[in-house]
């Protein structure tokens, strides 16, 4: 079998002003599908705590990015992934574990109707605090940004999380915490630059 590592990575391109047309055509006014991929994460009655995550992506000047596109991946309430590679058990069949939100074009606010994820093991067996992986693209961002959403009300689990405890500047952990706003709503804002800059990961 021929190895494919001789191929070089293609140059990255900006997401451009057309990312919504390709990824969320219905949102852009092009009704191709019944609904945009990733718009719904709960396909039936789900297990665990149902939550809503809301947030806005801000630039270095504190202005809301109104053309950001957000994707999230997460485990279900039992800490299991909807993946063929999941060997620990059967994930919730009514939960996709993946969502996409183009955000509001007037305010920039994104919204995900999801479930609070369970803890998942790290590669070395240590348990990770409940979290959601996030990917952010927008016009002018040449490479999609990767970060995580943790939960401010999971203090004990966060204090033991293998990734959070490795951050050199522990005062920046707060930039990864979604804060409860009541009625199952959590707020998680992303700051691309500035004193409140969110921690991003090179993955």
Foldseek 3Di string as FASTA:
>chain_A
DDDDVVDDDDFFAACPLCVCCVQFVVVVVRCPDPGGPQAAFFQDDADAAKAKEKEFEAEAVRATALAKKKKKAFAAQARFAPDPPTDPDDGTPRGHRMHMFRAHNVRRMTMDTGHFHCWYADPVGHIAAGKMWMWMHGGPDRDIWIDMAHAPVRVVRLVRGPVLVPDPDNVLSVLRHWYDPDPRYTYHYAYCDDPNHHDTDDD
